[in-house]
């Protein structure tokens, strides 16, 4: 029972941690890799996580040709 709880909490925590990257990916934004790498390596600093979240909502959409 505790094992299932820990796995569930871990999955939810990872989804919250990578939320800016998920938003950028779903909105098809230009700088997905930049935000993903910043989030991966510096997202734990909270400040960078919020910067990535703001970038995810304000960055322009990728042009499709």
N, C-alpha and C. Protein backbone atom coordinates (compact mmCIF):
# COMPACT_ATOMS: atom_id res chain seq x y z
N UNK A 1 0.82 -1.20 0.00
CA UNK A 1 0.00 0.00 0.00
C UNK A 1 0.86 1.26 0.00
N UNK A 2 1.89 1.27 0.82
CA UNK A 2 2.77 2.43 0.89
C UNK A 2 3.56 2.58 -0.41
N UNK A 3 3.91 1.47 -1.02
CA UNK A 3 4.66 1.49 -2.27
C UNK A 3 3.85 2.17 -3.38
N UNK A 4 2.57 1.86 -3.47
CA UNK A 4 1.70 2.47 -4.47
C UNK A 4 1.59 3.97 -4.21
N UNK A 5 1.47 4.34 -2.95
CA UNK A 5 1.38 5.75 -2.58
C UNK A 5 2.65 6.50 -2.99
N UNK A 6 3.80 5.93 -2.72
CA UNK A 6 5.07 6.58 -3.06
C UNK A 6 5.24 6.72 -4.57
N UNK A 7 4.84 5.71 -5.32
CA UNK A 7 4.92 5.79 -6.79
C UNK A 7 4.00 6.88 -7.31
N UNK A 8 2.79 6.96 -6.76
CA UNK A 8 1.83 7.98 -7.18
C UNK A 8 2.35 9.37 -6.86
N UNK A 9 2.87 9.57 -5.68
CA UNK A 9 3.41 10.88 -5.28
C UNK A 9 4.60 11.25 -6.16
N UNK A 10 5.46 10.30 -6.49
CA UNK A 10 6.61 10.56 -7.35
C UNK A 10 6.17 10.98 -8.75
N UNK A 11 5.19 10.31 -9.31
CA UNK A 11 4.69 10.66 -10.64
C UNK A 11 4.08 12.05 -10.64
N UNK A 12 3.29 12.36 -9.63
CA UNK A 12 2.67 13.69 -9.54
C UNK A 12 3.74 14.77 -9.37
N UNK A 13 4.75 14.50 -8.55
CA UNK A 13 5.83 15.47 -8.34
C UNK A 13 6.60 15.71 -9.64
N UNK A 14 6.87 14.66 -10.40
CA UNK A 14 7.58 14.83 -11.68
C UNK A 14 6.74 15.61 -12.69
N UNK A 15 5.44 15.36 -12.71
CA UNK A 15 4.56 16.12 -13.61
C UNK A 15 4.55 17.61 -13.25
N UNK A 16 4.51 17.91 -11.97
CA UNK A 16 4.55 19.31 -11.55
C UNK A 16 5.91 19.93 -11.87
N UNK A 17 6.98 19.18 -11.64
CA UNK A 17 8.33 19.69 -11.91
C UNK A 17 8.53 20.00 -13.39
N UNK A 18 8.01 19.14 -14.26
CA UNK A 18 8.16 19.34 -15.70
C UNK A 18 6.96 20.02 -16.34
N UNK A 19 6.12 20.65 -15.56
CA UNK A 19 4.94 21.33 -16.09
C UNK A 19 5.28 22.37 -17.16
N UNK A 20 6.29 23.23 -16.99
CA UNK A 20 6.62 24.17 -18.07
C UNK A 20 6.98 23.47 -19.38
N UNK A 21 7.72 22.38 -19.29
CA UNK A 21 8.09 21.65 -20.50
C UNK A 21 6.89 21.00 -21.17
N UNK A 22 5.97 20.49 -20.38
CA UNK A 22 4.76 19.88 -20.93
C UNK A 22 3.91 20.93 -21.63
N UNK A 23 3.80 22.11 -21.04
CA UNK A 23 3.01 23.20 -21.64
C UNK A 23 3.63 23.62 -22.97
N UNK A 24 4.95 23.79 -22.99
CA UNK A 24 5.63 24.20 -24.23
C UNK A 24 5.47 23.15 -25.30
N UNK A 25 5.58 21.90 -24.93
CA UNK A 25 5.43 20.82 -25.91
C UNK A 25 4.02 20.79 -26.49
N UNK A 26 3.02 20.93 -25.64
CA UNK A 26 1.64 20.88 -26.11
C UNK A 26 1.24 22.10 -26.92
N UNK A 27 1.86 23.24 -26.66
CA UNK A 27 1.54 24.45 -27.42
C UNK A 27 2.41 24.59 -28.66
N UNK A 28 3.30 23.63 -28.90
CA UNK A 28 4.16 23.62 -30.09
C UNK A 28 4.99 24.90 -30.18
N UNK A 29 5.66 25.24 -29.11
CA UNK A 29 6.46 26.47 -29.04
C UNK A 29 7.85 26.26 -29.63
N UNK A 30 8.47 27.39 -29.97
CA UNK A 30 9.79 27.36 -30.61
C UNK A 30 10.89 26.82 -29.72
N UNK A 31 10.92 27.22 -28.50
CA UNK A 31 12.08 26.93 -27.65
C UNK A 31 11.82 25.79 -26.67
N UNK A 32 11.25 24.71 -27.16
CA UNK A 32 10.97 23.55 -26.28
C UNK A 32 12.24 23.04 -25.63
N UNK A 33 13.30 22.85 -26.42
CA UNK A 33 14.52 22.27 -25.86
C UNK A 33 15.19 23.19 -24.85
N UNK A 34 15.13 24.48 -25.09
CA UNK A 34 15.71 25.43 -24.14
C UNK A 34 14.98 25.34 -22.80
N UNK A 35 13.67 25.38 -22.85
CA UNK A 35 12.90 25.32 -21.61
C UNK A 35 13.05 23.96 -20.94
N UNK A 36 13.05 22.90 -21.74
CA UNK A 36 13.22 21.57 -21.16
C UNK A 36 14.56 21.44 -20.43
N UNK A 37 15.64 21.88 -21.06
CA UNK A 37 16.96 21.75 -20.43
C UNK A 37 17.11 22.66 -19.21
N UNK A 38 16.58 23.88 -19.31
CA UNK A 38 16.60 24.75 -18.13
C UNK A 38 15.81 24.13 -16.99
N UNK A 39 14.66 23.60 -17.33
CA UNK A 39 13.81 22.97 -16.33
C UNK A 39 14.48 21.74 -15.72
N UNK A 40 15.13 20.95 -16.55
CA UNK A 40 15.78 19.73 -16.10
C UNK A 40 16.92 20.02 -15.13
N UNK A 41 17.79 20.96 -15.50
CA UNK A 41 19.00 21.20 -14.71
C UNK A 41 18.87 22.28 -13.65
N UNK A 42 17.99 23.26 -13.87
CA UNK A 42 17.90 24.37 -12.92
C UNK A 42 16.50 24.59 -12.35
N UNK A 43 15.57 23.73 -12.70
CA UNK A 43 14.20 23.90 -12.24
C UNK A 43 14.04 23.78 -10.74
N UNK A 44 14.96 23.11 -10.08
CA UNK A 44 14.90 22.94 -8.63
C UNK A 44 15.10 24.25 -7.89
N UNK A 45 15.56 25.29 -8.58
CA UNK A 45 15.82 26.56 -7.91
C UNK A 45 14.56 27.40 -7.74
N UNK A 46 13.43 26.94 -8.16
CA UNK A 46 12.12 27.58 -8.07
C UNK A 46 12.08 28.86 -8.90
N UNK A 47 13.08 29.72 -8.80
CA UNK A 47 13.11 30.94 -9.60
C UNK A 47 13.17 30.59 -11.08
N UNK A 48 14.05 29.68 -11.45
CA UNK A 48 14.16 29.27 -12.85
C UNK A 48 12.90 28.52 -13.28
N UNK A 49 12.30 27.78 -12.36
CA UNK A 49 11.06 27.07 -12.68
C UNK A 49 9.97 28.07 -13.06
N UNK A 50 9.85 29.15 -12.30
CA UNK A 50 8.86 30.18 -12.62
C UNK A 50 9.21 30.91 -13.92
N UNK A 51 10.48 31.14 -14.17
CA UNK A 51 10.90 31.76 -15.44
C UNK A 51 10.51 30.84 -16.61
N UNK A 52 10.75 29.55 -16.46
CA UNK A 52 10.36 28.59 -17.52
C UNK A 52 8.85 28.58 -17.71
N UNK A 53 8.10 28.66 -16.62
CA UNK A 53 6.65 28.68 -16.72
C UNK A 53 6.16 29.93 -17.44
N UNK A 54 6.75 31.06 -17.14
CA UNK A 54 6.39 32.31 -17.82
C UNK A 54 6.76 32.23 -19.30
N UNK A 55 7.95 31.69 -19.59
CA UNK A 55 8.36 31.54 -20.99
C UNK A 55 7.42 30.60 -21.73
N UNK A 56 6.93 29.60 -21.06
CA UNK A 56 6.02 28.63 -21.69
C UNK A 56 4.73 29.30 -22.15
N UNK A 57 4.27 30.27 -21.40
CA UNK A 57 3.02 30.94 -21.75
C UNK A 57 3.21 32.14 -22.68
N UNK A 58 4.42 32.71 -22.71
CA UNK A 58 4.60 33.94 -23.49
C UNK A 58 5.37 33.76 -24.79
N UNK A 59 6.02 32.64 -24.99
CA UNK A 59 6.82 32.44 -26.18
C UNK A 59 5.94 32.26 -27.41
N UNK A 60 6.44 32.70 -28.58
CA UNK A 60 5.66 32.61 -29.80
C UNK A 60 5.60 31.18 -30.34
N UNK A 61 4.55 30.92 -31.10
CA UNK A 61 4.33 29.59 -31.65
C UNK A 61 5.27 29.35 -32.83
N UNK A 62 5.64 28.10 -33.03
CA UNK A 62 6.50 27.70 -34.13
C UNK A 62 5.75 27.85 -35.46
N UNK A 63 6.44 28.37 -36.46
CA UNK A 63 5.84 28.55 -37.77
C UNK A 63 5.94 27.24 -38.53
N UNK A 64 4.82 26.78 -39.07
CA UNK A 64 4.81 25.55 -39.86
C UNK A 64 4.86 25.89 -41.32
N UNK A 65 5.75 25.24 -42.05
CA UNK A 65 5.88 25.50 -43.49
C UNK A 65 5.51 24.30 -44.28
